[in-house]
Protein backbone atom coordinates (compact mmCIF):
# COMPACT_ATOMS: atom_id res chain seq x y z
CA MET A 1 8.10 15.99 -2.07
CA ALA A 2 4.77 14.08 -2.83
CA ARG A 3 4.40 10.67 -0.87
CA GLU A 4 3.42 7.77 -2.64
CA ALA A 5 0.25 7.14 0.02
CA THR A 6 -0.96 10.87 -0.67
CA ILE A 7 -0.94 10.48 -4.59
CA HIS A 8 -2.60 7.26 -4.78
CA PHE A 9 -5.22 7.86 -1.93
CA GLU A 10 -6.13 11.08 -3.97
CA LEU A 11 -6.45 9.28 -7.47
CA TYR A 12 -8.46 6.52 -5.34
CA ARG A 13 -10.73 9.54 -3.75
CA GLN A 14 -11.39 11.24 -7.29
CA LEU A 15 -12.14 7.46 -8.97
CA SER A 16 -14.70 6.83 -6.15
CA ASN A 17 -16.43 10.16 -6.42
CA VAL A 18 -16.84 9.33 -10.28
CA LEU A 19 -18.17 6.29 -9.51
CA ASP A 20 -20.36 7.13 -6.60
CA LYS A 21 -22.07 9.78 -9.28
CA ASN A 22 -22.47 7.26 -12.04
CA SER A 23 -21.24 3.64 -12.28
CA GLU A 24 -22.18 2.84 -15.81
CA TYR A 25 -20.54 4.42 -18.90
CA ASP A 26 -21.05 3.58 -22.39
CA GLY A 27 -22.97 0.57 -21.47
CA VAL A 28 -19.83 -0.68 -19.18
CA VAL A 29 -20.95 -1.12 -15.55
CA PHE A 30 -18.03 -0.65 -13.03
CA GLY A 31 -17.87 -1.53 -9.54
CA ARG A 32 -16.28 -0.14 -6.27
CA VAL A 33 -12.99 1.25 -6.05
CA VAL A 34 -10.55 -0.46 -3.44
CA PRO A 35 -7.33 1.18 -1.96
CA GLU A 36 -4.89 -1.44 -0.74
CA TYR A 37 -6.09 -4.52 -2.56
CA PRO A 38 -4.51 -8.17 -1.16
CA VAL A 39 -2.75 -9.72 -3.48
CA GLY A 40 -0.93 -12.76 -1.50
CA LEU A 41 1.27 -11.09 0.96
CA LYS A 42 1.50 -7.58 -0.98
CA ARG A 43 -1.19 -5.11 -1.61
CA ALA A 44 -1.85 -3.13 -5.05
CA ASP A 45 -2.37 0.29 -4.58
CA ILE A 46 -5.49 0.61 -6.15
CA VAL A 47 -8.22 -1.75 -7.73
CA VAL A 48 -11.07 -0.93 -9.78
CA MET A 49 -13.76 -3.44 -9.87
CA ASP A 50 -16.04 -4.26 -12.76
CA GLY A 51 -20.14 -4.63 -12.09
CA GLN A 52 -19.58 -8.27 -10.68
CA ASP A 53 -16.99 -6.65 -8.22
CA ARG A 54 -14.08 -8.70 -9.88
CA PRO A 55 -10.55 -6.67 -10.66
CA LEU A 56 -10.97 -4.77 -13.85
CA LEU A 57 -8.06 -2.49 -13.42
CA VAL A 58 -4.87 -2.62 -11.18
CA ILE A 59 -3.17 0.82 -10.57
CA GLU A 60 0.57 0.94 -9.13
CA ALA A 61 1.67 4.39 -7.96
CA LYS A 62 5.06 5.62 -7.50
CA ARG A 63 5.63 8.74 -5.59
CA GLU A 64 7.64 11.72 -7.51
CA GLY A 65 10.42 13.04 -6.04
CA THR A 66 11.37 16.32 -6.28
CA GLU A 67 14.36 15.56 -8.50
CA GLY A 68 12.63 13.30 -10.66
CA LEU A 69 15.89 10.81 -10.89
CA ASP A 70 14.63 7.38 -9.46
CA ARG A 71 13.58 5.18 -12.43
CA ASN A 72 11.52 3.60 -9.91
CA ILE A 73 8.87 6.24 -10.41
CA ASP A 74 9.21 6.24 -14.07
CA PRO A 75 5.81 4.87 -15.41
CA TYR A 76 7.59 3.16 -18.11
CA SER A 77 10.27 1.57 -16.04
CA LYS A 78 10.35 -2.00 -16.75
CA LYS A 79 10.71 -2.77 -12.75
CA VAL A 80 7.28 -0.79 -12.00
CA ILE A 81 5.52 -2.18 -15.12
CA GLN A 82 6.41 -5.59 -14.02
CA GLN A 83 5.33 -4.89 -10.49
CA ALA A 84 1.92 -3.54 -11.78
CA PHE A 85 1.22 -6.36 -14.33
CA SER A 86 2.08 -9.12 -11.41
CA TYR A 87 -0.69 -7.82 -9.44
CA ALA A 88 -3.13 -7.79 -12.39
CA GLY A 89 -1.87 -11.26 -13.91
CA ALA A 90 -2.58 -12.49 -10.20
CA THR A 91 -5.93 -11.24 -9.85
CA GLY A 92 -7.05 -11.33 -13.52
CA ALA A 93 -7.39 -8.01 -14.08
CA GLU A 94 -7.78 -7.16 -18.06
CA PHE A 95 -6.03 -3.65 -17.35
CA PHE A 96 -3.18 -2.22 -15.57
CA ALA A 97 -1.69 0.92 -15.08
CA THR A 98 1.76 2.79 -13.82
CA TYR A 99 1.24 6.54 -11.91
CA ASN A 100 3.45 8.92 -10.52
CA GLY A 101 1.29 11.79 -9.75
CA SER A 102 1.89 13.53 -13.06
CA HIS A 103 2.17 10.76 -15.65
CA PHE A 104 -0.28 7.91 -16.09
CA VAL A 105 0.03 4.95 -18.65
CA LEU A 106 -2.72 2.26 -18.92
CA PHE A 107 -1.67 -1.28 -20.50
CA ARG A 108 -3.97 -4.19 -21.78
CA THR A 109 -2.82 -7.23 -19.33
CA PHE A 110 -3.18 -10.18 -21.67
CA GLU A 111 -1.72 -10.25 -25.28
CA LYS A 112 -0.77 -13.33 -27.02
CA GLY A 113 2.74 -13.60 -28.29
CA VAL A 114 3.68 -9.92 -27.41
CA PRO A 115 6.35 -9.14 -24.77
CA LEU A 116 5.12 -7.26 -21.91
CA LEU A 117 6.98 -4.18 -22.09
CA ASN A 118 5.23 -3.89 -25.84
CA ARG A 119 1.98 -4.76 -24.72
CA LYS A 120 -0.65 -1.87 -25.95
CA SER A 121 -0.90 1.16 -24.11
CA ARG A 122 -2.35 4.95 -23.49
CA GLY A 123 -0.48 7.58 -21.77
CA TYR A 124 -1.79 10.19 -19.96
CA PHE A 125 -0.27 13.79 -18.72
CA ILE A 126 -2.19 14.69 -15.32
CA LYS A 127 -3.07 18.53 -14.93
CA ASP A 128 -6.02 18.23 -12.86
CA ILE A 129 -6.58 14.94 -11.38
CA LYS A 130 -10.39 15.21 -10.57
CA VAL A 131 -10.83 15.88 -14.45
CA PHE A 132 -8.42 13.04 -15.16
CA ALA A 133 -10.46 10.32 -13.05
CA GLN A 134 -13.56 11.24 -15.11
CA GLU A 135 -11.70 11.06 -18.37
CA LEU A 136 -9.78 7.53 -17.08
CA ILE A 137 -13.50 5.73 -16.30
CA GLN A 138 -14.82 7.18 -19.75
CA GLN A 139 -12.10 5.68 -21.89
CA LEU A 140 -11.54 2.88 -20.08
CA ALA A 141 -15.56 2.18 -21.04
CA GLY A 142 -14.24 3.35 -24.62
CA ILE A 143 -11.62 0.61 -24.83
CA ILE A 144 -13.85 -2.19 -23.58
CA ARG A 145 -16.38 -1.26 -25.96
CA GLY A 146 -14.25 -1.18 -28.72
CA ASN A 147 -15.01 2.58 -29.41
CA ILE A 148 -11.42 3.97 -28.29
CA GLY A 149 -8.14 2.50 -29.98
CA TRP A 150 -4.82 2.07 -28.23
CA GLU A 151 -2.03 4.41 -28.93
CA PRO A 152 -0.33 4.00 -32.14
CA ASP A 153 3.64 3.13 -31.56
CA PRO A 154 4.96 6.50 -32.77
CA ARG A 155 2.49 8.15 -29.98
CA ALA A 156 3.60 5.65 -27.28
CA PHE A 157 7.02 6.59 -28.15
CA VAL A 158 6.67 9.99 -27.89
CA ASN A 159 5.17 9.89 -24.57
CA ARG A 160 7.92 7.92 -23.45
CA LEU A 161 10.40 10.76 -24.77
CA ARG A 162 8.34 12.96 -22.62
CA VAL A 163 8.56 11.40 -19.42
CA LEU A 164 12.34 11.04 -20.08
CA HIS A 165 12.88 14.38 -20.80
CA GLN A 166 11.36 15.27 -17.56
CA ARG A 167 13.70 13.34 -15.59
CA LEU A 168 16.50 14.89 -17.57
CA SER A 169 15.29 18.25 -16.67
CA ALA A 170 15.22 17.91 -13.12
CA GLU A 171 18.63 16.41 -13.50
CA MET A 172 19.88 19.53 -15.27
CA MET A 173 18.30 22.03 -12.84
CA THR A 174 19.50 20.29 -9.70
CA SER A 175 22.88 20.49 -11.46
CA ILE A 176 23.00 23.66 -12.44
CA LYS A 177 21.84 25.09 -9.06
CA ALA A 178 24.50 23.00 -7.23
CA ALA A 179 27.46 24.27 -9.60
CA GLY A 180 26.26 27.98 -9.44
CA ASN A 181 28.03 28.32 -13.03
CA LEU A 182 28.59 31.65 -14.23
CA LEU A 183 28.49 30.61 -17.90
CA VAL A 184 24.75 29.58 -16.91
CA ASP A 185 23.85 32.68 -15.61
CA ASP A 186 25.64 34.91 -18.39
CA TRP A 187 23.50 32.68 -20.73
CA LEU A 188 20.18 33.10 -18.86
CA SER A 189 21.19 37.14 -18.48
CA ARG A 190 21.32 37.27 -22.47
CA GLN A 191 18.17 35.50 -22.69
CA GLY A 192 16.40 38.04 -20.73
CA TRP A 193 15.62 35.33 -17.98
CA ASP A 194 16.03 36.21 -14.15
CA VAL A 195 19.70 35.08 -13.02
CA GLY A 196 19.64 33.04 -10.14
CA GLN A 197 15.76 32.49 -10.08
CA GLU A 198 14.10 29.05 -10.13
CA ASP A 199 12.28 29.70 -13.31
CA GLY A 200 15.10 30.78 -14.90
CA TYR A 201 17.29 27.64 -14.00
CA ARG A 202 14.16 25.58 -14.91
CA ARG A 203 13.92 26.63 -18.68
CA PHE A 204 17.64 26.13 -18.72
CA GLY A 205 17.32 22.80 -17.77
CA LYS A 206 14.53 21.85 -20.18
CA GLN A 207 16.55 23.51 -22.60
CA ALA A 208 19.82 21.32 -21.92
CA ALA A 209 17.46 18.33 -21.50
CA TYR A 210 16.27 18.58 -25.18
CA LEU A 211 19.92 19.00 -26.53
CA LEU A 212 20.98 15.85 -24.22
CA LEU A 213 17.84 13.91 -25.57
CA THR A 214 18.98 14.58 -28.97
CA LYS A 215 22.50 13.00 -28.26
CA LEU A 216 20.83 10.01 -26.56
CA LEU A 217 18.58 9.36 -29.64
CA PHE A 218 21.56 9.50 -31.89
CA TYR A 219 23.54 7.11 -29.85
CA LYS A 220 20.49 4.75 -29.88
CA ILE A 221 20.59 5.06 -33.70
CA LEU A 222 24.15 4.41 -33.82
CA GLU A 223 23.29 1.08 -32.07
CA ASP A 224 20.95 0.24 -34.63
CA THR A 225 23.79 0.72 -37.70
CA GLY A 226 25.44 -2.00 -36.14
CA LYS A 227 28.29 0.24 -35.60
CA ALA A 228 30.63 -0.88 -32.90
CA VAL A 229 29.16 1.01 -29.64
CA PRO A 230 29.04 0.57 -26.20
CA LYS A 231 25.22 -1.39 -25.40
CA ILE A 232 23.42 0.52 -23.11
CA GLY A 233 19.70 0.90 -22.26
CA MET A 234 17.95 4.29 -22.57
CA TYR A 235 17.26 5.13 -18.87
CA GLU A 236 20.83 3.89 -18.10
CA LEU A 237 21.92 6.86 -20.14
CA ALA A 238 20.07 8.96 -17.91
CA VAL A 239 22.51 8.44 -15.13
CA PRO A 240 25.23 10.95 -15.64
CA GLU A 241 28.25 8.83 -14.42
CA LYS A 242 27.03 6.29 -16.62
CA ARG A 243 26.34 8.87 -19.62
CA ARG A 244 29.54 10.31 -19.54
CA LYS A 245 31.49 6.89 -19.37
CA PHE A 246 29.80 5.18 -22.63
CA PHE A 247 30.10 8.98 -24.56
CA LYS A 248 33.36 9.01 -23.79
CA LYS A 249 33.84 5.48 -25.38
CA VAL A 250 32.00 6.63 -28.20
CA LEU A 251 33.89 9.66 -29.10
CA GLY A 252 37.00 7.69 -28.63
CA ARG A 253 36.35 5.33 -31.61
CA ARG A 254 35.75 5.62 -35.50
CA LEU A 255 32.28 5.09 -35.97
């Protein structure tokens, strides 16, 4: 399991390497990268300074566990976003970001009249942290210069679904392995996948998560129609016990 300190130190190291080689991109001058930046009695994980040594970007890193079930590592989680925003607001940073080792979401800190969770954002799926660090600095410069725009709402929505699917896939895979379900093994065999192998369970978990995600979206659509369905947030629906309880209520009513 990746430790929180490990993932944010590696990002800090790569960002520092990028700016040590070149501190100016697209006419924007960047300063140093500071780990564990003091904010009152707390510390922000990483702060990228501007050319005048003022906080420009605050990054809040949360470790990604082996099961991926804790919403506190979700970069779109309200709690995580609020924590990162509080550091950015306290330091006057123009941007803040949430990061869990595989997903990075960049936000604009201040938008007049726009609720925090609806602020402009750009989501990134990280395959190579070294490549990403370079891309992040270049894109941040482009955003500052106005050459790169923020993600439109549909794209931002898709990124949120991708993160949720990752969490659900991990949940499914863990449940399958623990149960040792013969029906699952039979299904894997019919697909030509190795029964009892990690890769087979992972594939099944992804497929099951897609089906569940479809049900969750349908549930949210029912809510929007004004039908009498129990009110619950999207990420509460990712908790198995709560999900079963609420779907049972829905199925027991005439919609």
